[in-house]
Amino acid sequence: MGDIEFPRRAALRAFSQTVTVEAMSALAGVAPDSARGKGQIRPEAAFPIPAKEHSWEIRELGEREMPLEALIDRLFVRALRMRESFLAEIDAAVDVDLYVD
């Protein structure tokens, strides 16, 4: 049997040239579900391309039948806990986006 694939995903992602994954995690007060420091290479990458920036992500995954709204709601429950620390402290050095798939 192969790995289970989750076709639905909602993620809060942060990217920075200067703010490290460790600093983003400290601000958030939680460990990311996925992170990569600038210059790191993903172990599963087909081509060894170093990351051009630091990236930090929390995400919620679900089956195809799950409405995206439900995934976003679950993600926002986690993100709201970080509102006072991470989200309030984000500055021009960090770009944040909501990714939905």
N, C-alpha and C. Protein backbone atom coordinates (compact mmCIF):
# COMPACT_ATOMS: atom_id res chain seq x y z
N MET A 1 0.82 -1.19 0.00
CA MET A 1 0.00 0.00 0.00
C MET A 1 0.86 1.24 0.00
N GLY A 2 0.44 2.26 -0.73
CA GLY A 2 1.18 3.51 -0.80
C GLY A 2 0.76 4.47 0.30
N ASP A 3 1.38 5.62 0.28
CA ASP A 3 1.03 6.66 1.25
C ASP A 3 -0.38 7.16 0.98
N ILE A 4 -1.06 7.55 2.04
CA ILE A 4 -2.39 8.14 1.91
C ILE A 4 -2.22 9.56 1.39
N GLU A 5 -2.99 9.91 0.39
CA GLU A 5 -2.96 11.27 -0.13
C GLU A 5 -4.19 12.00 0.34
N PHE A 6 -4.01 13.23 0.77
CA PHE A 6 -5.12 14.08 1.19
C PHE A 6 -5.30 15.15 0.12
N PRO A 7 -6.35 15.03 -0.68
CA PRO A 7 -6.52 15.95 -1.79
C PRO A 7 -6.96 17.36 -1.38
N ARG A 8 -7.40 17.56 -0.14
CA ARG A 8 -7.79 18.90 0.31
C ARG A 8 -6.78 19.39 1.34
N ARG A 9 -6.42 20.67 1.21
CA ARG A 9 -5.46 21.24 2.15
C ARG A 9 -5.73 22.72 2.33
N ALA A 10 -5.65 23.18 3.56
CA ALA A 10 -5.69 24.60 3.89
C ALA A 10 -4.46 24.87 4.76
N ALA A 11 -3.72 25.91 4.43
CA ALA A 11 -2.48 26.17 5.16
C ALA A 11 -2.28 27.67 5.36
N LEU A 12 -1.76 28.00 6.53
CA LEU A 12 -1.29 29.35 6.81
C LEU A 12 0.22 29.28 6.66
N ARG A 13 0.75 30.05 5.71
CA ARG A 13 2.18 29.96 5.41
C ARG A 13 2.85 31.30 5.62
N ALA A 14 4.08 31.25 6.10
CA ALA A 14 4.88 32.45 6.30
C ALA A 14 6.22 32.25 5.60
N PHE A 15 6.67 33.31 4.94
CA PHE A 15 7.94 33.27 4.20
C PHE A 15 8.77 34.50 4.56
N SER A 16 10.08 34.33 4.65
CA SER A 16 10.95 35.47 4.94
C SER A 16 12.37 35.22 4.45
N GLN A 17 13.00 36.28 4.01
CA GLN A 17 14.41 36.22 3.65
C GLN A 17 15.29 36.30 4.90
N THR A 18 14.78 36.96 5.96
CA THR A 18 15.63 37.24 7.12
C THR A 18 15.16 36.62 8.43
N VAL A 19 13.86 36.41 8.61
CA VAL A 19 13.34 35.85 9.85
C VAL A 19 13.40 34.32 9.75
N THR A 20 14.13 33.69 10.65
CA THR A 20 14.36 32.25 10.58
C THR A 20 13.13 31.45 11.00
N VAL A 21 13.13 30.17 10.65
CA VAL A 21 12.07 29.25 11.07
C VAL A 21 11.98 29.23 12.60
N GLU A 22 13.13 29.22 13.27
CA GLU A 22 13.15 29.19 14.73
C GLU A 22 12.50 30.44 15.30
N ALA A 23 12.78 31.59 14.72
CA ALA A 23 12.18 32.85 15.20
C ALA A 23 10.68 32.87 14.94
N MET A 24 10.24 32.37 13.78
CA MET A 24 8.80 32.32 13.49
C MET A 24 8.11 31.38 14.47
N SER A 25 8.73 30.24 14.77
CA SER A 25 8.15 29.28 15.71
C SER A 25 8.06 29.89 17.11
N ALA A 26 9.09 30.63 17.50
CA ALA A 26 9.08 31.28 18.82
C ALA A 26 7.95 32.30 18.91
N LEU A 27 7.77 33.10 17.86
CA LEU A 27 6.68 34.07 17.83
C LEU A 27 5.32 33.39 17.88
N ALA A 28 5.18 32.31 17.13
CA ALA A 28 3.89 31.61 17.05
C ALA A 28 3.58 30.88 18.35
N GLY A 29 4.61 30.40 19.02
CA GLY A 29 4.39 29.63 20.23
C GLY A 29 3.98 28.19 19.95
N VAL A 30 4.05 27.79 18.69
CA VAL A 30 3.74 26.41 18.29
C VAL A 30 4.74 25.96 17.24
N ALA A 31 4.95 24.66 17.18
CA ALA A 31 5.81 24.11 16.14
C ALA A 31 5.04 24.07 14.83
N PRO A 32 5.71 24.33 13.72
CA PRO A 32 5.03 24.25 12.43
C PRO A 32 4.78 22.80 12.01
N ASP A 33 3.82 22.61 11.13
CA ASP A 33 3.60 21.28 10.55
C ASP A 33 4.65 21.01 9.48
N SER A 34 5.17 22.08 8.90
CA SER A 34 6.20 21.97 7.88
C SER A 34 7.03 23.25 7.93
N ALA A 35 8.32 23.10 7.75
CA ALA A 35 9.21 24.27 7.76
C ALA A 35 10.48 23.93 7.00
N ARG A 36 11.09 24.97 6.47
CA ARG A 36 12.36 24.78 5.77
C ARG A 36 13.16 26.06 5.91
N GLY A 37 14.38 25.93 6.36
CA GLY A 37 15.26 27.08 6.47
C GLY A 37 15.86 27.45 5.13
N LYS A 38 16.23 28.70 5.01
CA LYS A 38 16.87 29.19 3.79
C LYS A 38 18.10 28.33 3.51
N GLY A 39 18.20 27.84 2.28
CA GLY A 39 19.33 27.01 1.88
C GLY A 39 19.12 25.51 2.07
N GLN A 40 18.09 25.13 2.83
CA GLN A 40 17.83 23.71 3.04
C GLN A 40 17.20 23.08 1.80
N ILE A 41 17.43 21.79 1.67
CA ILE A 41 16.87 21.02 0.54
C ILE A 41 15.90 20.00 1.12
N ARG A 42 14.72 19.90 0.52
CA ARG A 42 13.75 18.90 0.97
C ARG A 42 14.32 17.51 0.73
N PRO A 43 14.23 16.63 1.74
CA PRO A 43 14.78 15.28 1.58
C PRO A 43 14.11 14.51 0.43
N GLU A 44 12.84 14.74 0.20
CA GLU A 44 12.11 14.01 -0.84
C GLU A 44 12.19 14.67 -2.21
N ALA A 45 12.93 15.75 -2.32
CA ALA A 45 13.00 16.50 -3.58
C ALA A 45 13.67 15.67 -4.68
N ALA A 46 13.06 15.70 -5.87
CA ALA A 46 13.64 15.00 -7.01
C ALA A 46 14.92 15.71 -7.48
N PHE A 47 14.94 17.04 -7.33
CA PHE A 47 16.11 17.84 -7.70
C PHE A 47 16.56 18.62 -6.47
N PRO A 48 17.83 18.58 -6.12
CA PRO A 48 18.31 19.23 -4.90
C PRO A 48 18.44 20.75 -5.06
N ILE A 49 17.32 21.44 -4.94
CA ILE A 49 17.31 22.90 -5.08
C ILE A 49 17.18 23.52 -3.68
N PRO A 50 18.17 24.30 -3.25
CA PRO A 50 18.10 24.93 -1.93
C PRO A 50 16.96 25.95 -1.86
N ALA A 51 16.31 26.04 -0.70
CA ALA A 51 15.24 27.01 -0.50
C ALA A 51 15.80 28.42 -0.59
N LYS A 52 15.07 29.30 -1.26
CA LYS A 52 15.51 30.69 -1.43
C LYS A 52 15.15 31.57 -0.24
N GLU A 53 14.27 31.03 0.65
CA GLU A 53 13.84 31.79 1.82
C GLU A 53 13.43 30.83 2.93
N HIS A 54 13.26 31.35 4.12
CA HIS A 54 12.75 30.57 5.24
C HIS A 54 11.25 30.41 5.05
N SER A 55 10.71 29.22 5.32
CA SER A 55 9.26 29.02 5.21
C SER A 55 8.75 28.25 6.41
N TRP A 56 7.55 28.61 6.84
CA TRP A 56 6.92 28.06 8.05
C TRP A 56 5.46 27.86 7.72
N GLU A 57 4.88 26.73 8.14
CA GLU A 57 3.49 26.43 7.75
C GLU A 57 2.77 25.60 8.80
N ILE A 58 1.51 25.98 9.07
CA ILE A 58 0.59 25.08 9.76
C ILE A 58 -0.49 24.74 8.76
N ARG A 59 -1.00 23.50 8.81
CA ARG A 59 -1.96 23.09 7.79
C ARG A 59 -2.98 22.10 8.34
N GLU A 60 -4.08 22.02 7.65
CA GLU A 60 -5.12 21.05 7.92
C GLU A 60 -5.36 20.29 6.62
N LEU A 61 -5.48 18.97 6.73
CA LEU A 61 -5.67 18.10 5.56
C LEU A 61 -7.01 17.39 5.67
N GLY A 62 -7.59 17.06 4.52
CA GLY A 62 -8.85 16.34 4.53
C GLY A 62 -9.09 15.58 3.24
N GLU A 63 -10.07 14.71 3.29
CA GLU A 63 -10.47 13.94 2.11
C GLU A 63 -11.17 14.85 1.10
N ARG A 64 -11.26 14.40 -0.12
CA ARG A 64 -11.88 15.16 -1.20
C ARG A 64 -13.30 15.60 -0.86
N GLU A 65 -14.05 14.75 -0.12
CA GLU A 65 -15.44 15.06 0.20
C GLU A 65 -15.57 16.17 1.24
N MET A 66 -14.51 16.43 1.98
CA MET A 66 -14.58 17.45 3.02
C MET A 66 -14.66 18.85 2.40
N PRO A 67 -15.64 19.64 2.81
CA PRO A 67 -15.73 21.01 2.28
C PRO A 67 -14.51 21.83 2.69
N LEU A 68 -14.04 22.66 1.79
CA LEU A 68 -12.89 23.51 2.10
C LEU A 68 -13.17 24.40 3.29
N GLU A 69 -14.43 24.82 3.43
CA GLU A 69 -14.80 25.68 4.56
C GLU A 69 -14.48 25.01 5.89
N ALA A 70 -14.70 23.69 5.97
CA ALA A 70 -14.42 22.95 7.20
C ALA A 70 -12.92 22.93 7.49
N LEU A 71 -12.11 22.75 6.46
CA LEU A 71 -10.65 22.78 6.65
C LEU A 71 -10.19 24.17 7.09
N ILE A 72 -10.73 25.19 6.45
CA ILE A 72 -10.35 26.57 6.80
C ILE A 72 -10.76 26.87 8.24
N ASP A 73 -11.95 26.43 8.64
CA ASP A 73 -12.39 26.63 10.02
C ASP A 73 -11.42 25.97 11.01
N ARG A 74 -11.01 24.73 10.72
CA ARG A 74 -10.07 24.03 11.60
C ARG A 74 -8.73 24.77 11.66
N LEU A 75 -8.29 25.26 10.51
CA LEU A 75 -7.03 26.01 10.47
C LEU A 75 -7.13 27.30 11.27
N PHE A 76 -8.25 28.01 11.12
CA PHE A 76 -8.41 29.27 11.84
C PHE A 76 -8.49 29.08 13.35
N VAL A 77 -9.02 27.95 13.81
CA VAL A 77 -9.01 27.67 15.25
C VAL A 77 -7.57 27.65 15.75
N ARG A 78 -6.69 27.03 14.99
CA ARG A 78 -5.27 27.00 15.38
C ARG A 78 -4.63 28.38 15.25
N ALA A 79 -4.95 29.07 14.18
CA ALA A 79 -4.34 30.38 13.93
C ALA A 79 -4.79 31.42 14.95
N LEU A 80 -6.03 31.35 15.40
CA LEU A 80 -6.51 32.33 16.38
C LEU A 80 -5.74 32.25 17.68
N ARG A 81 -5.26 31.06 18.04
CA ARG A 81 -4.45 30.92 19.26
C ARG A 81 -3.12 31.67 19.13
N MET A 82 -2.69 31.90 17.90
CA MET A 82 -1.42 32.59 17.65
C MET A 82 -1.62 34.08 17.41
N ARG A 83 -2.84 34.53 17.45
CA ARG A 83 -3.18 35.91 17.09
C ARG A 83 -2.36 36.93 17.87
N GLU A 84 -2.25 36.74 19.17
CA GLU A 84 -1.56 37.72 20.00
C GLU A 84 -0.05 37.71 19.81
N SER A 85 0.51 36.57 19.46
CA SER A 85 1.96 36.49 19.34
C SER A 85 2.41 36.60 17.90
N PHE A 86 2.20 35.56 17.15
CA PHE A 86 2.71 35.48 15.77
C PHE A 86 2.07 36.50 14.84
N LEU A 87 0.77 36.46 14.73
CA LEU A 87 0.09 37.31 13.76
C LEU A 87 0.21 38.79 14.10
N ALA A 88 0.27 39.12 15.39
CA ALA A 88 0.40 40.52 15.80
C ALA A 88 1.82 41.05 15.57
N GLU A 89 2.81 40.16 15.56
CA GLU A 89 4.21 40.58 15.45
C GLU A 89 4.76 40.55 14.03
N ILE A 90 3.98 40.05 13.10
CA ILE A 90 4.46 39.98 11.72
C ILE A 90 4.76 41.39 11.22
N ASP A 91 5.90 41.53 10.59
CA ASP A 91 6.26 42.84 10.05
C ASP A 91 6.55 42.71 8.56
N ALA A 92 7.12 43.73 8.00
CA ALA A 92 7.39 43.76 6.56
C ALA A 92 8.38 42.69 6.12
N ALA A 93 9.11 42.11 7.06
CA ALA A 93 10.12 41.10 6.72
C ALA A 93 9.51 39.72 6.52
N VAL A 94 8.21 39.56 6.84
CA VAL A 94 7.56 38.25 6.73
C VAL A 94 6.30 38.40 5.89
N ASP A 95 6.18 37.56 4.88
CA ASP A 95 4.97 37.50 4.07
C ASP A 95 4.14 36.32 4.55
N VAL A 96 2.84 36.53 4.73
CA VAL A 96 1.94 35.48 5.19
C VAL A 96 0.83 35.31 4.15
N ASP A 97 0.50 34.05 3.86
CA ASP A 97 -0.63 33.81 2.96
C ASP A 97 -1.45 32.63 3.45
N LEU A 98 -2.65 32.54 2.90
CA LEU A 98 -3.55 31.42 3.14
C LEU A 98 -3.58 30.64 1.86
N TYR A 99 -3.18 29.37 1.94
CA TYR A 99 -3.16 28.51 0.77
C TYR A 99 -4.29 27.49 0.90
N VAL A 100 -5.09 27.37 -0.14
CA VAL A 100 -6.21 26.43 -0.14
C VAL A 100 -6.12 25.60 -1.41
N ASP A 101 -6.24 24.29 -1.25
CA ASP A 101 -6.11 23.39 -2.39
C ASP A 101 -7.21 22.36 -2.34
